[in-house]
């Protein structure tokens, strides 16, 4: 388990920072995350506990970063949906 916290100026920045942090941690520690528990959340801060497993062998990285290009966050009924473009 790993507890992490990220911040952003708004929802869009928070989402990009969150996904980039997950990408970094996965590459740095060779982990695959299976689930998360949100401990605190606002439009500008997210703290969560990740549950993951160690990768048996290094996985080739195909995603370099999450970008702001064409980023969209919208509410659909009671759920939130996001469109995210990644740099490969």
PDB file of N, CA and C in Angstrom:
ATOM      1  N   UNK A   1       0.842  -1.189   0.000  1.00  0.00           N
ATOM      2  CA  UNK A   1       0.000   0.000   0.000  1.00  0.00           C
ATOM      3  C   UNK A   1       0.875   1.236   0.000  1.00  0.00           C
ATOM      4  N   UNK A   2       0.344   2.257  -0.625  1.00  0.00           N
ATOM      5  CA  UNK A   2       1.076   3.512  -0.730  1.00  0.00           C
ATOM      6  C   UNK A   2       0.065   4.652  -0.607  1.00  0.00           C
ATOM      7  N   UNK A   3       0.324   5.602   0.262  1.00  0.00           N
ATOM      8  CA  UNK A   3      -0.563   6.761   0.412  1.00  0.00           C
ATOM      9  C   UNK A   3       0.066   7.941  -0.308  1.00  0.00           C
ATOM     10  N   UNK A   4      -0.735   8.608  -1.156  1.00  0.00           N
ATOM     11  CA  UNK A   4      -0.211   9.752  -1.899  1.00  0.00           C
ATOM     12  C   UNK A   4      -1.191  10.913  -1.839  1.00  0.00           C
ATOM     13  N   UNK A   5      -0.649  12.108  -2.059  1.00  0.00           N
ATOM     14  CA  UNK A   5      -1.468  13.314  -2.089  1.00  0.00           C
ATOM     15  C   UNK A   5      -0.957  14.197  -3.215  1.00  0.00           C
ATOM     16  N   UNK A   6      -1.877  14.730  -4.003  1.00  0.00           N
ATOM     17  CA  UNK A   6      -1.520  15.662  -5.069  1.00  0.00           C
ATOM     18  C   UNK A   6      -2.429  16.885  -4.973  1.00  0.00           C
ATOM     19  N   UNK A   7      -1.955  17.978  -5.565  1.00  0.00           N
ATOM     20  CA  UNK A   7      -2.719  19.222  -5.553  1.00  0.00           C
ATOM     21  C   UNK A   7      -2.727  19.810  -6.955  1.00  0.00           C
ATOM     22  N   UNK A   8      -3.689  20.677  -7.199  1.00  0.00           N
ATOM     23  CA  UNK A   8      -3.790  21.377  -8.472  1.00  0.00           C
ATOM     24  C   UNK A   8      -4.613  22.638  -8.286  1.00  0.00           C
ATOM     25  N   UNK A   9      -4.455  23.571  -9.205  1.00  0.00           N
ATOM     26  CA  UNK A   9      -5.185  24.838  -9.111  1.00  0.00           C
ATOM     27  C   UNK A   9      -6.671  24.677  -9.353  1.00  0.00           C
ATOM     28  N   UNK A  10      -7.042  23.635 -10.113  1.00  0.00           N
ATOM     29  CA  UNK A  10      -8.436  23.376 -10.456  1.00  0.00           C
ATOM     30  C   UNK A  10      -8.594  21.880 -10.742  1.00  0.00           C
ATOM     31  N   UNK A  11      -9.790  21.449 -11.098  1.00  0.00           N
ATOM     32  CA  UNK A  11     -10.047  20.025 -11.360  1.00  0.00           C
ATOM     33  C   UNK A  11      -9.165  19.472 -12.469  1.00  0.00           C
ATOM     34  N   UNK A  12      -9.004  20.239 -13.534  1.00  0.00           N
ATOM     35  CA  UNK A  12      -8.214  19.773 -14.670  1.00  0.00           C
ATOM     36  C   UNK A  12      -6.758  19.560 -14.273  1.00  0.00           C
ATOM     37  N   UNK A  13      -6.177  20.519 -13.594  1.00  0.00           N
ATOM     38  CA  UNK A  13      -4.792  20.398 -13.160  1.00  0.00           C
ATOM     39  C   UNK A  13      -4.642  19.264 -12.154  1.00  0.00           C
ATOM     40  N   UNK A  14      -5.602  19.136 -11.261  1.00  0.00           N
ATOM     41  CA  UNK A  14      -5.571  18.051 -10.280  1.00  0.00           C
ATOM     42  C   UNK A  14      -5.587  16.693 -10.977  1.00  0.00           C
ATOM     43  N   UNK A  15      -6.439  16.524 -11.976  1.00  0.00           N
ATOM     44  CA  UNK A  15      -6.516  15.253 -12.693  1.00  0.00           C
ATOM     45  C   UNK A  15      -5.206  14.931 -13.397  1.00  0.00           C
ATOM     46  N   UNK A  16      -4.642  15.899 -14.104  1.00  0.00           N
ATOM     47  CA  UNK A  16      -3.379  15.679 -14.804  1.00  0.00           C
ATOM     48  C   UNK A  16      -2.267  15.363 -13.802  1.00  0.00           C
ATOM     49  N   UNK A  17      -2.191  16.111 -12.702  1.00  0.00           N
ATOM     50  CA  UNK A  17      -1.167  15.841 -11.683  1.00  0.00           C
ATOM     51  C   UNK A  17      -1.339  14.455 -11.075  1.00  0.00           C
ATOM     52  N   UNK A  18      -2.583  14.065 -10.803  1.00  0.00           N
ATOM     53  CA  UNK A  18      -2.882  12.750 -10.219  1.00  0.00           C
ATOM     54  C   UNK A  18      -2.427  11.626 -11.151  1.00  0.00           C
ATOM     55  N   UNK A  19      -2.816  11.708 -12.399  1.00  0.00           N
ATOM     56  CA  UNK A  19      -2.460  10.650 -13.348  1.00  0.00           C
ATOM     57  C   UNK A  19      -0.959  10.601 -13.597  1.00  0.00           C
ATOM     58  N   UNK A  20      -0.305  11.759 -13.657  1.00  0.00           N
ATOM     59  CA  UNK A  20       1.155  11.771 -13.820  1.00  0.00           C
ATOM     60  C   UNK A  20       1.859  11.187 -12.596  1.00  0.00           C
ATOM     61  N   UNK A  21       1.310  11.422 -11.415  1.00  0.00           N
ATOM     62  CA  UNK A  21       1.889  10.842 -10.193  1.00  0.00           C
ATOM     63  C   UNK A  21       1.749   9.317 -10.209  1.00  0.00           C
ATOM     64  N   UNK A  22       0.590   8.824 -10.621  1.00  0.00           N
ATOM     65  CA  UNK A  22       0.403   7.367 -10.733  1.00  0.00           C
ATOM     66  C   UNK A  22       1.369   6.770 -11.742  1.00  0.00           C
ATOM     67  N   UNK A  23       1.549   7.444 -12.866  1.00  0.00           N
ATOM     68  CA  UNK A  23       2.487   6.987 -13.885  1.00  0.00           C
ATOM     69  C   UNK A  23       3.908   6.945 -13.327  1.00  0.00           C
ATOM     70  N   UNK A  24       4.317   8.014 -12.651  1.00  0.00           N
ATOM     71  CA  UNK A  24       5.659   8.071 -12.053  1.00  0.00           C
ATOM     72  C   UNK A  24       5.869   6.947 -11.041  1.00  0.00           C
ATOM     73  N   UNK A  25       4.932   6.784 -10.117  1.00  0.00           N
ATOM     74  CA  UNK A  25       5.081   5.758  -9.077  1.00  0.00           C
ATOM     75  C   UNK A  25       5.128   4.354  -9.676  1.00  0.00           C
ATOM     76  N   UNK A  26       4.298   4.117 -10.666  1.00  0.00           N
ATOM     77  CA  UNK A  26       4.276   2.809 -11.310  1.00  0.00           C
ATOM     78  C   UNK A  26       5.622   2.499 -11.954  1.00  0.00           C
ATOM     79  N   UNK A  27       6.186   3.480 -12.633  1.00  0.00           N
ATOM     80  CA  UNK A  27       7.493   3.282 -13.274  1.00  0.00           C
ATOM     81  C   UNK A  27       8.617   3.205 -12.247  1.00  0.00           C
ATOM     82  N   UNK A  28       8.610   4.087 -11.276  1.00  0.00           N
ATOM     83  CA  UNK A  28       9.689   4.164 -10.279  1.00  0.00           C
ATOM     84  C   UNK A  28       9.792   2.913  -9.433  1.00  0.00           C
ATOM     85  N   UNK A  29       8.641   2.378  -8.993  1.00  0.00           N
ATOM     86  CA  UNK A  29       8.645   1.248  -8.079  1.00  0.00           C
ATOM     87  C   UNK A  29       8.222  -0.069  -8.742  1.00  0.00           C
ATOM     88  N   UNK A  30       7.998  -0.023 -10.072  1.00  0.00           N
ATOM     89  CA  UNK A  30       7.580  -1.216 -10.811  1.00  0.00           C
ATOM     90  C   UNK A  30       6.356  -1.860 -10.163  1.00  0.00           C
ATOM     91  N   UNK A  31       5.338  -1.041  -9.931  1.00  0.00           N
ATOM     92  CA  UNK A  31       4.101  -1.490  -9.299  1.00  0.00           C
ATOM     93  C   UNK A  31       2.930  -1.344 -10.262  1.00  0.00           C
ATOM     94  N   UNK A  32       1.939  -2.198 -10.071  1.00  0.00           N
ATOM     95  CA  UNK A  32       0.671  -2.106 -10.778  1.00  0.00           C
ATOM     96  C   UNK A  32      -0.404  -1.899  -9.735  1.00  0.00           C
ATOM     97  N   UNK A  33      -1.218  -0.855  -9.878  1.00  0.00           N
ATOM     98  CA  UNK A  33      -2.215  -0.518  -8.862  1.00  0.00           C
ATOM     99  C   UNK A  33      -3.563  -1.145  -9.196  1.00  0.00           C
ATOM    100  N   UNK A  34      -4.118  -1.806  -8.203  1.00  0.00           N
ATOM    101  CA  UNK A  34      -5.353  -2.562  -8.382  1.00  0.00           C
ATOM    102  C   UNK A  34      -6.573  -1.820  -7.861  1.00  0.00           C
ATOM    103  N   UNK A  35      -6.387  -1.022  -6.819  1.00  0.00           N
ATOM    104  CA  UNK A  35      -7.511  -0.303  -6.232  1.00  0.00           C
ATOM    105  C   UNK A  35      -6.992   0.898  -5.457  1.00  0.00           C
ATOM    106  N   UNK A  36      -7.930   1.786  -5.126  1.00  0.00           N
ATOM    107  CA  UNK A  36      -7.558   2.927  -4.297  1.00  0.00           C
ATOM    108  C   UNK A  36      -8.712   3.282  -3.382  1.00  0.00           C
ATOM    109  N   UNK A  37      -8.353   3.874  -2.273  1.00  0.00           N
ATOM    110  CA  UNK A  37      -9.326   4.384  -1.305  1.00  0.00           C
ATOM    111  C   UNK A  37      -9.098   5.880  -1.200  1.00  0.00           C
ATOM    112  N   UNK A  38     -10.103   6.669  -1.541  1.00  0.00           N
ATOM    113  CA  UNK A  38      -9.988   8.120  -1.456  1.00  0.00           C
ATOM    114  C   UNK A  38     -10.125   8.512   0.013  1.00  0.00           C
ATOM    115  N   UNK A  39      -9.111   9.201   0.523  1.00  0.00           N
ATOM    116  CA  UNK A  39      -9.101   9.623   1.922  1.00  0.00           C
ATOM    117  C   UNK A  39      -9.576  11.066   2.078  1.00  0.00           C
ATOM    118  N   UNK A  40      -9.283  11.907   1.083  1.00  0.00           N
ATOM    119  CA  UNK A  40      -9.722  13.303   1.100  1.00  0.00           C
ATOM    120  C   UNK A  40      -9.763  13.784  -0.342  1.00  0.00           C
ATOM    121  N   UNK A  41     -10.789  14.574  -0.665  1.00  0.00           N
ATOM    122  CA  UNK A  41     -10.936  15.035  -2.043  1.00  0.00           C
ATOM    123  C   UNK A  41     -11.614  16.395  -2.084  1.00  0.00           C
ATOM    124  N   UNK A  42     -11.068  17.285  -2.913  1.00  0.00           N
ATOM    125  CA  UNK A  42     -11.701  18.568  -3.214  1.00  0.00           C
ATOM    126  C   UNK A  42     -11.333  18.904  -4.652  1.00  0.00           C
ATOM    127  N   UNK A  43     -11.774  20.059  -5.144  1.00  0.00           N
ATOM    128  CA  UNK A  43     -11.430  20.457  -6.507  1.00  0.00           C
ATOM    129  C   UNK A  43      -9.935  20.719  -6.679  1.00  0.00           C
ATOM    130  N   UNK A  44      -9.205  20.874  -5.565  1.00  0.00           N
ATOM    131  CA  UNK A  44      -7.791  21.232  -5.644  1.00  0.00           C
ATOM    132  C   UNK A  44      -6.841  20.266  -4.934  1.00  0.00           C
ATOM    133  N   UNK A  45      -7.357  19.228  -4.296  1.00  0.00           N
ATOM    134  CA  UNK A  45      -6.480  18.311  -3.563  1.00  0.00           C
ATOM    135  C   UNK A  45      -7.099  16.918  -3.528  1.00  0.00           C
ATOM    136  N   UNK A  46      -6.234  15.909  -3.664  1.00  0.00           N
ATOM    137  CA  UNK A  46      -6.668  14.520  -3.583  1.00  0.00           C
ATOM    138  C   UNK A  46      -5.648  13.725  -2.791  1.00  0.00           C
ATOM    139  N   UNK A  47      -6.117  13.039  -1.780  1.00  0.00           N
ATOM    140  CA  UNK A  47      -5.269  12.155  -0.979  1.00  0.00           C
ATOM    141  C   UNK A  47      -5.929  10.789  -1.024  1.00  0.00           C
ATOM    142  N   UNK A  48      -5.124   9.770  -1.353  1.00  0.00           N
ATOM    143  CA  UNK A  48      -5.673   8.423  -1.488  1.00  0.00           C
ATOM    144  C   UNK A  48      -4.643   7.381  -1.086  1.00  0.00           C
ATOM    145  N   UNK A  49      -5.144   6.207  -0.785  1.00  0.00           N
ATOM    146  CA  UNK A  49      -4.308   5.054  -0.467  1.00  0.00           C
ATOM    147  C   UNK A  49      -4.427   4.081  -1.635  1.00  0.00           C
ATOM    148  N   UNK A  50      -3.288   3.779  -2.256  1.00  0.00           N
ATOM    149  CA  UNK A  50      -3.247   2.858  -3.386  1.00  0.00           C
ATOM    150  C   UNK A  50      -2.912   1.457  -2.898  1.00  0.00           C
ATOM    151  N   UNK A  51      -3.529   0.483  -3.521  1.00  0.00           N
ATOM    152  CA  UNK A  51      -3.183  -0.910  -3.251  1.00  0.00           C
ATOM    153  C   UNK A  51      -2.665  -1.491  -4.562  1.00  0.00           C
ATOM    154  N   UNK A  52      -1.459  -2.007  -4.511  1.00  0.00           N
ATOM    155  CA  UNK A  52      -0.859  -2.526  -5.731  1.00  0.00           C
ATOM    156  C   UNK A  52       0.022  -3.729  -5.478  1.00  0.00           C
ATOM    157  N   UNK A  53       0.576  -4.227  -6.558  1.00  0.00           N
ATOM    158  CA  UNK A  53       1.478  -5.369  -6.476  1.00  0.00           C
ATOM    159  C   UNK A  53       2.748  -5.050  -7.255  1.00  0.00           C
ATOM    160  N   UNK A  54       3.805  -5.688  -6.859  1.00  0.00           N
ATOM    161  CA  UNK A  54       5.087  -5.551  -7.536  1.00  0.00           C
ATOM    162  C   UNK A  54       5.003  -6.276  -8.875  1.00  0.00           C
ATOM    163  N   UNK A  55       5.492  -5.657  -9.927  1.00  0.00           N
ATOM    164  CA  UNK A  55       5.506  -6.295 -11.234  1.00  0.00           C
ATOM    165  C   UNK A  55       6.601  -7.346 -11.259  1.00  0.00           C
ATOM    166  N   UNK A  56       6.306  -8.507 -11.806  1.00  0.00           N
ATOM    167  CA  UNK A  56       7.284  -9.602 -11.859  1.00  0.00           C
ATOM    168  C   UNK A  56       8.476  -9.232 -12.732  1.00  0.00           C
ATOM    169  N   UNK A  57       8.221  -8.501 -13.794  1.00  0.00           N
ATOM    170  CA  UNK A  57       9.287  -8.066 -14.704  1.00  0.00           C
ATOM    171  C   UNK A  57       8.954  -6.647 -15.151  1.00  0.00           C
ATOM    172  N   UNK A  58       9.962  -5.855 -15.478  1.00  0.00           N
ATOM    173  CA  UNK A  58       9.702  -4.491 -15.942  1.00  0.00           C
ATOM    174  C   UNK A  58       8.761  -4.491 -17.148  1.00  0.00           C
ATOM    175  N   UNK A  59       7.805  -3.587 -17.114  1.00  0.00           N
ATOM    176  CA  UNK A  59       6.858  -3.444 -18.213  1.00  0.00           C
ATOM    177  C   UNK A  59       7.329  -2.290 -19.094  1.00  0.00           C
ATOM    178  N   UNK A  60       7.442  -2.515 -20.398  1.00  0.00           N
ATOM    179  CA  UNK A  60       7.865  -1.404 -21.271  1.00  0.00           C
ATOM    180  C   UNK A  60       6.891  -0.229 -21.144  1.00  0.00           C
ATOM    181  N   UNK A  61       7.424   0.952 -20.978  1.00  0.00           N
ATOM    182  CA  UNK A  61       6.591   2.139 -20.810  1.00  0.00           C
ATOM    183  C   UNK A  61       6.198   2.677 -22.175  1.00  0.00           C
ATOM    184  N   UNK A  62       4.907   2.830 -22.368  1.00  0.00           N
ATOM    185  CA  UNK A  62       4.425   3.397 -23.622  1.00  0.00           C
ATOM    186  C   UNK A  62       3.849   4.788 -23.412  1.00  0.00           C
ATOM    187  N   UNK A  63       3.533   5.155 -22.171  1.00  0.00           N
ATOM    188  CA  UNK A  63       2.993   6.477 -21.864  1.00  0.00           C
ATOM    189  C   UNK A  63       4.103   7.310 -21.234  1.00  0.00           C
ATOM    190  N   UNK A  64       4.399   8.455 -21.846  1.00  0.00           N
ATOM    191  CA  UNK A  64       5.419   9.357 -21.309  1.00  0.00           C
ATOM    192  C   UNK A  64       4.824  10.293 -20.266  1.00  0.00           C
ATOM    193  N   UNK A  65       3.638  10.821 -20.565  1.00  0.00           N
ATOM    194  CA  UNK A  65       3.018  11.788 -19.659  1.00  0.00           C
ATOM    195  C   UNK A  65       1.556  11.981 -20.020  1.00  0.00           C
ATOM    196  N   UNK A  66       0.803  12.475 -19.060  1.00  0.00           N
ATOM    197  CA  UNK A  66      -0.576  12.891 -19.276  1.00  0.00           C
ATOM    198  C   UNK A  66      -0.525  14.374 -19.618  1.00  0.00           C
ATOM    199  N   UNK A  67      -1.293  14.789 -20.614  1.00  0.00           N
ATOM    200  CA  UNK A  67      -1.216  16.167 -21.092  1.00  0.00           C
ATOM    201  C   UNK A  67      -2.528  16.929 -20.857  1.00  0.00           C
ATOM    202  N   UNK A  68      -2.469  18.224 -21.087  1.00  0.00           N
ATOM    203  CA  UNK A  68      -3.662  19.076 -21.016  1.00  0.00           C
ATOM    204  C   UNK A  68      -4.352  19.182 -22.372  1.00  0.00           C
ATOM    205  N   UNK A  69      -3.746  18.628 -23.415  1.00  0.00           N
ATOM    206  CA  UNK A  69      -4.295  18.723 -24.774  1.00  0.00           C
ATOM    207  C   UNK A  69      -5.671  18.057 -24.846  1.00  0.00           C
ATOM    208  N   UNK A  70      -6.675  18.815 -25.230  1.00  0.00           N
ATOM    209  CA  UNK A  70      -8.063  18.331 -25.358  1.00  0.00           C
ATOM    210  C   UNK A  70      -8.635  17.752 -24.064  1.00  0.00           C
ATOM    211  N   UNK A  71      -8.064  18.122 -22.935  1.00  0.00           N
ATOM    212  CA  UNK A  71      -8.567  17.648 -21.644  1.00  0.00           C
ATOM    213  C   UNK A  71      -9.977  18.185 -21.413  1.00  0.00           C
ATOM    214  N   UNK A  72     -10.864  17.304 -20.981  1.00  0.00           N
ATOM    215  CA  UNK A  72     -12.238  17.717 -20.689  1.00  0.00           C
ATOM    216  C   UNK A  72     -12.757  16.922 -19.503  1.00  0.00           C
ATOM    217  N   UNK A  73     -13.393  17.616 -18.567  1.00  0.00           N
ATOM    218  CA  UNK A  73     -14.051  16.985 -17.430  1.00  0.00           C
ATOM    219  C   UNK A  73     -15.490  17.472 -17.441  1.00  0.00           C
ATOM    220  N   UNK A  74     -16.428  16.530 -17.385  1.00  0.00           N
ATOM    221  CA  UNK A  74     -17.837  16.928 -17.422  1.00  0.00           C
ATOM    222  C   UNK A  74     -18.661  16.018 -16.530  1.00  0.00           C
ATOM    223  N   UNK A  75     -19.732  16.570 -16.069  1.00  0.00           N
ATOM    224  CA  UNK A  75     -20.659  15.812 -15.229  1.00  0.00           C
ATOM    225  C   UNK A  75     -21.753  15.236 -16.116  1.00  0.00           C
ATOM    226  N   UNK A  76     -22.003  13.933 -15.950  1.00  0.00           N
ATOM    227  CA  UNK A  76     -23.058  13.250 -16.698  1.00  0.00           C
ATOM    228  C   UNK A  76     -23.965  12.605 -15.666  1.00  0.00           C
ATOM    229  N   UNK A  77     -25.085  13.230 -15.412  1.00  0.00           N
ATOM    230  CA  UNK A  77     -25.975  12.748 -14.360  1.00  0.00           C
ATOM    231  C   UNK A  77     -25.302  12.903 -13.010  1.00  0.00           C
ATOM    232  N   UNK A  78     -25.120  11.803 -12.306  1.00  0.00           N
ATOM    233  CA  UNK A  78     -24.477  11.838 -10.992  1.00  0.00           C
ATOM    234  C   UNK A  78     -23.000  11.452 -11.059  1.00  0.00           C
ATOM    235  N   UNK A  79     -22.501  11.183 -12.264  1.00  0.00           N
ATOM    236  CA  UNK A  79     -21.111  10.747 -12.421  1.00  0.00           C
ATOM    237  C   UNK A  79     -20.291  11.794 -13.160  1.00  0.00           C
ATOM    238  N   UNK A  80     -18.985  11.687 -13.013  1.00  0.00           N
ATOM    239  CA  UNK A  80     -18.041  12.553 -13.712  1.00  0.00           C
ATOM    240  C   UNK A  80     -17.343  11.739 -14.788  1.00  0.00           C
ATOM    241  N   UNK A  81     -17.123  12.373 -15.945  1.00  0.00           N
ATOM    242  CA  UNK A  81     -16.403  11.723 -17.038  1.00  0.00           C
ATOM    243  C   UNK A  81     -15.268  12.648 -17.462  1.00  0.00           C
ATOM    244  N   UNK A  82     -14.173  12.041 -17.886  1.00  0.00           N
ATOM    245  CA  UNK A  82     -13.034  12.833 -18.321  1.00  0.00           C
ATOM    246  C   UNK A  82     -12.508  12.283 -19.637  1.00  0.00           C
ATOM    247  N   UNK A  83     -12.020  13.206 -20.461  1.00  0.00           N
ATOM    248  CA  UNK A  83     -11.296  12.851 -21.668  1.00  0.00           C
ATOM    249  C   UNK A  83      -9.863  13.303 -21.432  1.00  0.00           C
ATOM    250  N   UNK A  84      -8.931  12.371 -21.578  1.00  0.00           N
ATOM    251  CA  UNK A  84      -7.534  12.657 -21.292  1.00  0.00           C
ATOM    252  C   UNK A  84      -6.685  12.173 -22.474  1.00  0.00           C
ATOM    253  N   UNK A  85      -5.753  13.005 -22.912  1.00  0.00           N
ATOM    254  CA  UNK A  85      -4.819  12.639 -23.968  1.00  0.00           C
ATOM    255  C   UNK A  85      -3.460  12.413 -23.322  1.00  0.00           C
ATOM    256  N   UNK A  86      -2.812  11.325 -23.699  1.00  0.00           N
ATOM    257  CA  UNK A  86      -1.490  11.024 -23.152  1.00  0.00           C
ATOM    258  C   UNK A  86      -0.429  11.150 -24.235  1.00  0.00           C
ATOM    259  N   UNK A  87       0.778  11.464 -23.810  1.00  0.00           N
ATOM    260  CA  UNK A  87       1.927  11.558 -24.708  1.00  0.00           C
ATOM    261  C   UNK A  87       2.614  10.205 -24.709  1.00  0.00           C
ATOM    262  N   UNK A  88       2.729   9.603 -25.882  1.00  0.00           N
ATOM    263  CA  UNK A  88       3.378   8.277 -25.983  1.00  0.00           C
ATOM    264  C   UNK A  88       4.670   8.360 -26.754  1.00  0.00           C
TER     265      UNK A  88
END
